[in-house]
Amino acid sequence: MTKTNFKGKTALVTGGARGIGHELTSQLVTHGAHVIAVGRNQSDLNKIHAEFGDQVSTYQLDLTHPEEVTQFTQRVTSDHPGLSILINNAGMQVEMDLFTDPYASIAQPVFNEVALNFVAPITLTAQLLPVLRTHRNALIINITTGLAIAPKEASPVYCATKAGLRSFTQSLRYQCQTSAPHIEVSEAIMTLVDTDMTSGRGKRKMSSHDAAVAILKGASAGKPEIWIGKSALLPLLTRISPRLVRRILR
């Protein structure tokens, strides 16, 4: 794959004002890129704009509403025709027990998880491909997780959406190789990272800063799969003992 230089590029980062997204925004600005930070919370967007000034453009958007996503893509491609990098980072994880939680209590969270983690990246990608393909060395990065390979018991919908996104990313890569080989497609397979989403879950978490650095380092090197932190052990462990991997991540 072609190596990517971020200097002078325009990059869109979903969830770009918090957690890993904030760190991706910060790192991209450091590398000389202009960042389009998308988020649902206007207060967070105001803070990141105050932090980086004109190097960041912010857009408030609820990615769980496909009609809003369509309106946004029309606006952002008009505002930023130089857009050449898309990072589908925004996500949510809801723990649930399908045996004890009444469906009425999980129906909306299930819809939101599927919409945000799976439908939104597909919708954004499909609607932004026309502008991405007009640029040399365009790049799409989709953020997944080791749980896409070996799911955990407590978050069945989250794991399913990330497995779906992993599959979509592979198929997208094939289509780009056929129809637009100058568009690189990378998947960042995350380890457990210290963010608001993982608060109270797990130990020895990777920092958001280190995770963002690793994502961009892998993408700049042209890696189709970027194994972040401890997730780098998964390919080997899966070959040796898939059962062990399932037991560890469960």
Protein backbone atom coordinates (compact mmCIF):
# COMPACT_ATOMS: atom_id res chain seq x y z
CA MET A 1 0.00 0.00 0.00
CA THR A 2 1.03 3.62 -0.59
CA LYS A 3 2.47 5.55 2.34
CA THR A 4 0.44 8.57 3.47
CA ASN A 5 1.74 12.03 4.32
CA PHE A 6 -0.81 14.01 6.35
CA LYS A 7 0.71 17.44 5.76
CA GLY A 8 -1.65 19.70 3.85
CA LYS A 9 -4.44 17.09 3.79
CA THR A 10 -8.02 17.57 4.99
CA ALA A 11 -9.22 14.78 7.28
CA LEU A 12 -12.68 14.11 8.66
CA VAL A 13 -12.76 12.43 12.08
CA THR A 14 -16.06 11.25 13.54
CA GLY A 15 -16.17 11.55 17.31
CA GLY A 16 -13.29 13.95 16.76
CA ALA A 17 -13.68 15.99 19.94
CA ARG A 18 -13.42 13.29 22.61
CA GLY A 19 -11.31 10.31 23.57
CA ILE A 20 -9.35 8.69 20.76
CA GLY A 21 -11.01 11.07 18.31
CA HIS A 22 -9.66 14.09 20.16
CA GLU A 23 -6.18 12.61 20.12
CA LEU A 24 -6.47 11.81 16.41
CA THR A 25 -7.47 15.41 15.79
CA SER A 26 -4.52 16.65 17.83
CA GLN A 27 -2.04 14.37 16.09
CA LEU A 28 -3.33 15.22 12.62
CA VAL A 29 -3.03 18.94 13.34
CA THR A 30 0.52 18.32 14.56
CA HIS A 31 1.24 16.58 11.24
CA GLY A 32 -0.02 19.64 9.36
CA ALA A 33 -3.50 18.48 8.39
CA HIS A 34 -6.75 20.40 8.58
CA VAL A 35 -9.30 18.42 10.58
CA ILE A 36 -13.07 18.29 10.23
CA ALA A 37 -14.18 17.18 13.69
CA VAL A 38 -17.68 15.72 13.86
CA GLY A 39 -19.48 15.19 17.14
CA ARG A 40 -22.85 15.24 18.85
CA ASN A 41 -21.92 17.48 21.79
CA GLN A 42 -21.55 21.13 20.83
CA SER A 43 -19.70 21.94 24.06
CA ASP A 44 -16.97 19.42 23.20
CA LEU A 45 -16.75 20.80 19.68
CA ASN A 46 -16.42 24.35 21.02
CA LYS A 47 -13.54 23.24 23.25
CA ILE A 48 -11.62 21.57 20.46
CA HIS A 49 -12.10 24.56 18.18
CA ALA A 50 -10.79 26.82 20.95
CA GLU A 51 -7.83 24.49 21.36
CA PHE A 52 -6.80 24.35 17.70
CA GLY A 53 -8.44 27.40 16.13
CA ASP A 54 -8.74 27.51 12.36
CA GLN A 55 -6.83 24.24 12.00
CA VAL A 56 -10.08 22.48 12.95
CA SER A 57 -13.58 22.86 11.50
CA THR A 58 -16.38 21.48 13.68
CA TYR A 59 -19.78 20.08 12.77
CA GLN A 60 -22.47 19.01 15.22
CA LEU A 61 -24.14 15.83 13.98
CA ASP A 62 -26.06 12.88 15.38
CA LEU A 63 -24.69 9.99 13.35
CA THR A 64 -27.53 7.70 14.42
CA HIS A 65 -29.87 9.60 12.06
CA PRO A 66 -29.11 8.63 8.42
CA GLU A 67 -31.01 11.61 7.03
CA GLU A 68 -28.78 13.97 9.02
CA VAL A 69 -25.71 12.15 7.75
CA THR A 70 -26.84 12.66 4.15
CA GLN A 71 -27.43 16.37 4.72
CA PHE A 72 -24.03 16.63 6.38
CA THR A 73 -22.12 14.92 3.56
CA GLN A 74 -23.68 17.29 1.04
CA ARG A 75 -22.63 20.27 3.14
CA VAL A 76 -19.14 19.11 4.05
CA THR A 77 -18.17 18.21 0.49
CA SER A 78 -19.28 21.68 -0.57
CA ASP A 79 -17.42 23.36 2.29
CA HIS A 80 -14.29 21.17 2.00
CA PRO A 81 -13.74 19.86 -1.55
CA GLY A 82 -10.18 19.03 -0.50
CA LEU A 83 -11.37 16.28 1.84
CA SER A 84 -9.16 13.24 1.21
CA ILE A 85 -9.11 11.35 4.52
CA LEU A 86 -12.04 9.78 6.37
CA ILE A 87 -11.62 8.25 9.82
CA ASN A 88 -14.70 6.44 11.09
CA ASN A 89 -13.90 6.57 14.79
CA ALA A 90 -17.18 7.34 16.61
CA GLY A 91 -18.69 4.44 18.49
CA MET A 92 -20.62 3.33 21.54
CA GLN A 93 -20.76 0.18 23.63
CA VAL A 94 -23.74 -0.89 25.71
CA GLU A 95 -23.60 -3.86 28.03
CA MET A 96 -26.78 -5.92 28.15
CA ASP A 97 -28.14 -9.29 29.21
CA LEU A 98 -30.71 -10.55 26.75
CA PHE A 99 -32.11 -12.91 29.38
CA THR A 100 -32.68 -10.38 32.16
CA ASP A 101 -33.05 -6.99 30.45
CA PRO A 102 -36.59 -6.32 29.19
CA TYR A 103 -36.53 -5.65 25.46
CA ALA A 104 -38.25 -2.31 25.98
CA SER A 105 -35.21 -1.16 27.99
CA ILE A 106 -32.64 -2.17 25.35
CA ALA A 107 -34.52 -1.49 22.10
CA GLN A 108 -33.25 2.09 21.69
CA PRO A 109 -29.67 1.30 22.77
CA VAL A 110 -29.59 -1.58 20.28
CA PHE A 111 -30.78 0.71 17.49
CA ASN A 112 -28.27 3.42 18.44
CA GLU A 113 -25.35 0.99 18.56
CA VAL A 114 -26.12 -0.47 15.15
CA ALA A 115 -26.74 2.97 13.66
CA LEU A 116 -23.60 4.59 15.07
CA ASN A 117 -21.11 1.73 14.91
CA PHE A 118 -22.15 0.15 11.62
CA VAL A 119 -24.66 2.09 9.52
CA ALA A 120 -22.99 5.49 9.92
CA PRO A 121 -19.53 4.40 8.69
CA ILE A 122 -21.11 2.72 5.66
CA THR A 123 -23.28 5.75 4.89
CA LEU A 124 -20.43 8.24 5.30
CA THR A 125 -18.06 6.15 3.23
CA ALA A 126 -20.50 5.60 0.38
CA GLN A 127 -21.52 9.25 0.22
CA LEU A 128 -17.97 10.62 0.51
CA LEU A 129 -16.35 8.28 -2.02
CA PRO A 130 -17.12 10.65 -4.93
CA VAL A 131 -15.00 13.41 -3.37
CA LEU A 132 -12.37 11.06 -1.94
CA ARG A 133 -11.71 9.47 -5.33
CA THR A 134 -10.87 12.88 -6.83
CA HIS A 135 -7.69 13.07 -4.72
CA ARG A 136 -4.42 11.24 -5.00
CA ASN A 137 -3.53 9.05 -2.03
CA ALA A 138 -6.95 9.29 -0.38
CA LEU A 139 -7.38 7.29 2.81
CA ILE A 140 -10.20 5.65 4.77
CA ILE A 141 -9.55 4.33 8.28
CA ASN A 142 -12.22 2.30 10.07
CA ILE A 143 -11.80 1.72 13.80
CA THR A 144 -12.69 -1.79 14.96
CA THR A 145 -11.55 -3.92 17.90
CA GLY A 146 -10.21 -7.32 18.84
CA LEU A 147 -13.77 -8.04 19.98
CA ALA A 148 -14.73 -8.15 16.31
CA ILE A 149 -12.70 -11.36 16.14
CA ALA A 150 -13.54 -12.86 19.53
CA PRO A 151 -16.63 -11.23 21.10
CA LYS A 152 -17.27 -10.75 24.78
CA GLU A 153 -20.39 -11.91 26.57
CA ALA A 154 -21.54 -8.59 28.01
CA SER A 155 -21.71 -6.54 24.79
CA PRO A 156 -23.26 -8.71 22.06
CA VAL A 157 -24.49 -5.89 19.83
CA TYR A 158 -21.28 -3.86 20.04
CA CYS A 159 -19.19 -6.88 19.11
CA ALA A 160 -21.52 -7.73 16.23
CA THR A 161 -21.35 -4.20 14.80
CA LYS A 162 -17.57 -4.19 14.92
CA ALA A 163 -17.41 -7.61 13.27
CA GLY A 164 -19.70 -6.26 10.55
CA LEU A 165 -17.52 -3.18 10.12
CA ARG A 166 -14.42 -5.37 9.84
CA SER A 167 -16.08 -7.37 7.06
CA PHE A 168 -17.29 -4.20 5.31
CA THR A 169 -13.77 -2.76 5.46
CA GLN A 170 -12.30 -5.80 3.75
CA SER A 171 -14.89 -5.71 0.97
CA LEU A 172 -14.44 -1.95 0.57
CA ARG A 173 -10.70 -2.50 0.20
CA TYR A 174 -11.30 -4.99 -2.61
CA GLN A 175 -13.62 -2.56 -4.42
CA CYS A 176 -11.14 0.30 -4.08
CA GLN A 177 -8.35 -1.91 -5.43
CA THR A 178 -10.55 -2.56 -8.48
CA SER A 179 -12.15 0.83 -9.09
CA ALA A 180 -10.00 3.40 -7.24
CA PRO A 181 -6.59 1.97 -6.32
CA HIS A 182 -5.40 5.39 -5.15
CA ILE A 183 -7.84 5.15 -2.20
CA GLU A 184 -6.17 3.26 0.64
CA VAL A 185 -8.38 1.45 3.15
CA SER A 186 -7.02 0.67 6.62
CA GLU A 187 -8.58 -1.02 9.61
CA ALA A 188 -7.34 -0.16 13.10
CA ILE A 189 -8.00 -3.10 15.42
CA MET A 190 -8.04 -1.63 18.90
CA THR A 191 -6.99 -2.99 22.24
CA LEU A 192 -8.66 -1.74 25.45
CA VAL A 193 -8.15 2.03 25.47
CA ASP A 194 -8.75 4.43 28.36
CA THR A 195 -11.81 6.45 27.24
CA ASP A 196 -15.17 7.45 28.66
CA MET A 197 -16.69 4.41 26.94
CA THR A 198 -14.41 2.00 28.83
CA SER A 199 -14.71 3.71 32.22
CA GLY A 200 -14.93 1.06 34.94
CA ARG A 201 -14.08 -1.76 32.51
CA GLY A 202 -10.82 -3.66 32.49
CA LYS A 203 -7.32 -2.81 33.64
CA ARG A 204 -3.98 -1.80 32.08
CA LYS A 205 -5.63 0.26 29.39
CA MET A 206 -3.73 1.94 26.60
CA SER A 207 -3.88 5.73 26.65
CA SER A 208 -5.93 7.52 23.98
CA HIS A 209 -2.81 9.45 22.99
CA ASP A 210 -0.74 6.32 22.40
CA ALA A 211 -3.62 4.67 20.53
CA ALA A 212 -3.97 7.66 18.17
CA VAL A 213 -0.24 7.77 17.53
CA ALA A 214 -0.24 4.07 16.66
CA ILE A 215 -3.24 4.43 14.32
CA LEU A 216 -1.69 7.25 12.32
CA LYS A 217 1.74 5.64 12.30
CA GLY A 218 0.26 2.46 10.84
CA ALA A 219 -1.82 4.37 8.30
CA SER A 220 1.13 6.52 7.22
CA ALA A 221 3.11 3.31 6.64
CA GLY A 222 0.35 2.02 4.36
CA LYS A 223 -0.73 -0.89 6.54
CA PRO A 224 -4.13 -2.39 5.59
CA GLU A 225 -4.52 -3.74 9.14
CA ILE A 226 -3.16 -1.77 12.08
CA TRP A 227 -3.02 -3.89 15.22
CA ILE A 228 -3.04 -1.55 18.21
CA GLY A 229 -1.33 -2.47 21.47
CA LYS A 230 -2.09 -5.94 22.78
CA SER A 231 -4.34 -6.66 19.82
CA ALA A 232 -1.13 -7.33 17.88
CA LEU A 233 -1.01 -10.69 19.65
CA LEU A 234 -4.36 -11.79 18.21
CA PRO A 235 -3.26 -13.03 14.77
CA LEU A 236 -0.66 -15.35 16.30
CA LEU A 237 -2.83 -16.50 19.21
CA THR A 238 -5.77 -17.13 16.88
CA ARG A 239 -3.62 -19.39 14.73
CA ILE A 240 -2.27 -21.26 17.76
CA SER A 241 -5.48 -21.58 19.76
CA PRO A 242 -8.73 -19.87 18.70
CA ARG A 243 -10.41 -21.36 21.76
CA LEU A 244 -7.91 -19.65 24.06
CA VAL A 245 -8.51 -16.28 22.40
CA ARG A 246 -12.27 -16.66 22.81
CA ARG A 247 -11.86 -17.57 26.46
CA ILE A 248 -9.57 -14.60 27.19
CA LEU A 249 -11.76 -11.98 25.50
CA ARG A 250 -15.08 -13.37 26.70
